[in-house]
Amino acid sequence: MLIVATELHVRNGWKFIPFVRHSIRSTKQAKQAAGCLHVWVGNNGWRIGYTLTAWKDKSSMLQYRNTDSHKVAMQQIGKLSKQYKTLVWEAEQVPSWNEAKVRLDAIGFKVLK
């Protein structure tokens, strides 16, 4: 199974509502996506959003990532987020969020202009 963890930082207060709108639509899409085994969304205050998803395989994850609401959200990421990080790895079972966060904390952010 393929695990994907993300952390996104909202650029500013003006971008919060559009960020939430994209997050809700992308989450709904993930929950309905073929091959999606697990969806978790969380936050740390209003400026930091987290996701943890599990996929049957890479092609299922790519189909989700490259279509519909998630594709639209990713096209807006530079306007909505000041920095983010994404980590993808193979696992036998869905990790807890705490386990995923430890892995995520070990990598650097992609800083957006």
C-alpha atoms as a PDB file:
ATOM      1  CA  MET A   1       0.000   0.000   0.000  1.00  0.00           C
ATOM      2  CA  LEU A   2       1.125   3.560  -0.699  1.00  0.00           C
ATOM      3  CA  ILE A   3       0.981   6.144   2.092  1.00  0.00           C
ATOM      4  CA  VAL A   4       0.926   9.909   1.445  1.00  0.00           C
ATOM      5  CA  ALA A   5       1.316  12.514   4.208  1.00  0.00           C
ATOM      6  CA  THR A   6       1.186  16.267   3.638  1.00  0.00           C
ATOM      7  CA  GLU A   7       1.570  19.467   5.624  1.00  0.00           C
ATOM      8  CA  LEU A   8       0.462  22.784   4.107  1.00  0.00           C
ATOM      9  CA  HIS A   9       0.762  26.273   5.566  1.00  0.00           C
ATOM     10  CA  VAL A  10      -1.908  28.776   4.543  1.00  0.00           C
ATOM     11  CA  ARG A  11      -0.350  31.937   3.124  1.00  0.00           C
ATOM     12  CA  ASN A  12      -2.487  34.430   5.096  1.00  0.00           C
ATOM     13  CA  GLY A  13      -5.968  35.035   6.505  1.00  0.00           C
ATOM     14  CA  TRP A  14      -7.356  36.107   3.132  1.00  0.00           C
ATOM     15  CA  LYS A  15      -6.475  32.694   1.693  1.00  0.00           C
ATOM     16  CA  PHE A  16      -8.025  30.656   4.507  1.00  0.00           C
ATOM     17  CA  ILE A  17     -11.559  30.317   3.071  1.00  0.00           C
ATOM     18  CA  PRO A  18     -10.389  29.329  -0.437  1.00  0.00           C
ATOM     19  CA  PHE A  19      -7.923  26.879   1.169  1.00  0.00           C
ATOM     20  CA  VAL A  20     -10.710  25.257   3.200  1.00  0.00           C
ATOM     21  CA  ARG A  21     -12.966  25.088   0.149  1.00  0.00           C
ATOM     22  CA  HIS A  22     -10.290  23.229  -1.844  1.00  0.00           C
ATOM     23  CA  SER A  23      -9.539  21.000   1.144  1.00  0.00           C
ATOM     24  CA  ILE A  24     -13.179  19.951   1.530  1.00  0.00           C
ATOM     25  CA  ARG A  25     -13.562  19.199  -2.173  1.00  0.00           C
ATOM     26  CA  SER A  26     -10.277  17.271  -2.351  1.00  0.00           C
ATOM     27  CA  THR A  27     -11.153  15.262   0.760  1.00  0.00           C
ATOM     28  CA  LYS A  28     -14.539  14.335  -0.672  1.00  0.00           C
ATOM     29  CA  GLN A  29     -12.861  13.297  -3.923  1.00  0.00           C
ATOM     30  CA  ALA A  30     -10.314  11.144  -2.050  1.00  0.00           C
ATOM     31  CA  LYS A  31     -13.007   9.384  -0.026  1.00  0.00           C
ATOM     32  CA  GLN A  32     -14.784   8.432  -3.252  1.00  0.00           C
ATOM     33  CA  ALA A  33     -11.649   7.596  -5.275  1.00  0.00           C
ATOM     34  CA  ALA A  34     -11.072   4.074  -6.515  1.00  0.00           C
ATOM     35  CA  GLY A  35      -8.166   2.503  -4.646  1.00  0.00           C
ATOM     36  CA  CYS A  36      -8.309   4.890  -1.684  1.00  0.00           C
ATOM     37  CA  LEU A  37      -8.081   2.911   1.552  1.00  0.00           C
ATOM     38  CA  HIS A  38      -7.836   5.647   4.186  1.00  0.00           C
ATOM     39  CA  VAL A  39      -8.344   9.427   4.445  1.00  0.00           C
ATOM     40  CA  TRP A  40      -7.496  11.550   7.478  1.00  0.00           C
ATOM     41  CA  VAL A  41      -7.449  15.363   7.545  1.00  0.00           C
ATOM     42  CA  GLY A  42      -6.313  17.475  10.482  1.00  0.00           C
ATOM     43  CA  ASN A  43      -4.971  20.864  11.410  1.00  0.00           C
ATOM     44  CA  ASN A  44      -2.794  22.783  13.849  1.00  0.00           C
ATOM     45  CA  GLY A  45      -4.646  26.065  14.221  1.00  0.00           C
ATOM     46  CA  TRP A  46      -6.056  27.763  11.153  1.00  0.00           C
ATOM     47  CA  ARG A  47      -2.758  28.107   9.279  1.00  0.00           C
ATOM     48  CA  ILE A  48      -1.543  24.507   9.079  1.00  0.00           C
ATOM     49  CA  GLY A  49      -3.383  21.647   7.398  1.00  0.00           C
ATOM     50  CA  TYR A  50      -2.418  17.967   7.361  1.00  0.00           C
ATOM     51  CA  THR A  51      -3.510  14.957   5.346  1.00  0.00           C
ATOM     52  CA  LEU A  52      -2.784  11.261   5.576  1.00  0.00           C
ATOM     53  CA  THR A  53      -4.057   8.967   2.843  1.00  0.00           C
ATOM     54  CA  ALA A  54      -3.479   5.330   1.963  1.00  0.00           C
ATOM     55  CA  TRP A  55      -3.802   3.938  -1.544  1.00  0.00           C
ATOM     56  CA  LYS A  56      -4.044   0.459  -2.977  1.00  0.00           C
ATOM     57  CA  ASP A  57      -1.272   1.318  -5.424  1.00  0.00           C
ATOM     58  CA  LYS A  58       0.571   4.165  -7.114  1.00  0.00           C
ATOM     59  CA  SER A  59      -1.745   4.307 -10.115  1.00  0.00           C
ATOM     60  CA  SER A  60      -4.775   4.858  -7.839  1.00  0.00           C
ATOM     61  CA  MET A  61      -2.996   7.687  -6.055  1.00  0.00           C
ATOM     62  CA  LEU A  62      -1.878   9.306  -9.326  1.00  0.00           C
ATOM     63  CA  GLN A  63      -5.394   9.075 -10.765  1.00  0.00           C
ATOM     64  CA  TYR A  64      -6.670  10.998  -7.735  1.00  0.00           C
ATOM     65  CA  ARG A  65      -3.778  13.467  -7.663  1.00  0.00           C
ATOM     66  CA  ASN A  66      -4.043  14.385 -11.332  1.00  0.00           C
ATOM     67  CA  THR A  67      -7.810  14.819 -11.697  1.00  0.00           C
ATOM     68  CA  ASP A  68     -10.851  16.759 -10.577  1.00  0.00           C
ATOM     69  CA  SER A  69     -10.854  18.779  -7.351  1.00  0.00           C
ATOM     70  CA  HIS A  70      -7.355  17.800  -6.252  1.00  0.00           C
ATOM     71  CA  LYS A  71      -5.857  18.853  -9.586  1.00  0.00           C
ATOM     72  CA  VAL A  72      -7.613  22.235  -9.339  1.00  0.00           C
ATOM     73  CA  ALA A  73      -6.386  22.669  -5.748  1.00  0.00           C
ATOM     74  CA  MET A  74      -2.800  21.902  -6.725  1.00  0.00           C
ATOM     75  CA  GLN A  75      -2.997  24.480  -9.507  1.00  0.00           C
ATOM     76  CA  GLN A  76      -3.816  27.049  -6.796  1.00  0.00           C
ATOM     77  CA  ILE A  77      -1.224  25.931  -4.245  1.00  0.00           C
ATOM     78  CA  GLY A  78       1.137  28.839  -4.919  1.00  0.00           C
ATOM     79  CA  LYS A  79      -1.620  31.342  -4.204  1.00  0.00           C
ATOM     80  CA  LEU A  80      -2.965  29.575  -1.111  1.00  0.00           C
ATOM     81  CA  SER A  81       0.083  28.173   0.626  1.00  0.00           C
ATOM     82  CA  LYS A  82       3.441  29.676   1.557  1.00  0.00           C
ATOM     83  CA  GLN A  83       5.094  26.298   2.112  1.00  0.00           C
ATOM     84  CA  TYR A  84       4.247  22.622   2.068  1.00  0.00           C
ATOM     85  CA  LYS A  85       5.745  19.177   2.233  1.00  0.00           C
ATOM     86  CA  THR A  86       4.616  15.818   0.936  1.00  0.00           C
ATOM     87  CA  LEU A  87       6.037  12.419   1.766  1.00  0.00           C
ATOM     88  CA  VAL A  88       5.167   9.164   0.001  1.00  0.00           C
ATOM     89  CA  TRP A  89       6.208   5.692   1.159  1.00  0.00           C
ATOM     90  CA  GLU A  90       5.223   2.031   0.981  1.00  0.00           C
ATOM     91  CA  ALA A  91       3.760   0.346   4.075  1.00  0.00           C
ATOM     92  CA  GLU A  92       2.012  -2.848   5.099  1.00  0.00           C
ATOM     93  CA  GLN A  93      -0.571  -0.987   7.188  1.00  0.00           C
ATOM     94  CA  VAL A  94      -1.882   2.542   7.639  1.00  0.00           C
ATOM     95  CA  PRO A  95       0.330   4.338  10.161  1.00  0.00           C
ATOM     96  CA  SER A  96      -1.060   6.421  12.993  1.00  0.00           C
ATOM     97  CA  TRP A  97      -0.931  10.162  12.433  1.00  0.00           C
ATOM     98  CA  ASN A  98       1.807  10.396  15.089  1.00  0.00           C
ATOM     99  CA  GLU A  99       3.966   7.902  13.169  1.00  0.00           C
ATOM    100  CA  ALA A 100       3.371   9.751   9.897  1.00  0.00           C
ATOM    101  CA  LYS A 101       4.116  13.130  11.516  1.00  0.00           C
ATOM    102  CA  VAL A 102       7.508  11.897  12.742  1.00  0.00           C
ATOM    103  CA  ARG A 103       8.392  10.951   9.154  1.00  0.00           C
ATOM    104  CA  LEU A 104       7.010  14.219   7.796  1.00  0.00           C
ATOM    105  CA  ASP A 105       8.953  16.288  10.337  1.00  0.00           C
ATOM    106  CA  ALA A 106      12.193  14.725   9.077  1.00  0.00           C
ATOM    107  CA  ILE A 107      11.914  16.343   5.625  1.00  0.00           C
ATOM    108  CA  GLY A 108      12.127  19.961   4.545  1.00  0.00           C
ATOM    109  CA  PHE A 109       9.460  22.263   3.191  1.00  0.00           C
ATOM    110  CA  LYS A 110       9.024  23.347  -0.391  1.00  0.00           C
ATOM    111  CA  VAL A 111       8.846  27.143   0.000  1.00  0.00           C
ATOM    112  CA  LEU A 112       6.633  28.952  -2.502  1.00  0.00           C
ATOM    113  CA  LYS A 113       7.084  32.513  -3.732  1.00  0.00           C
END
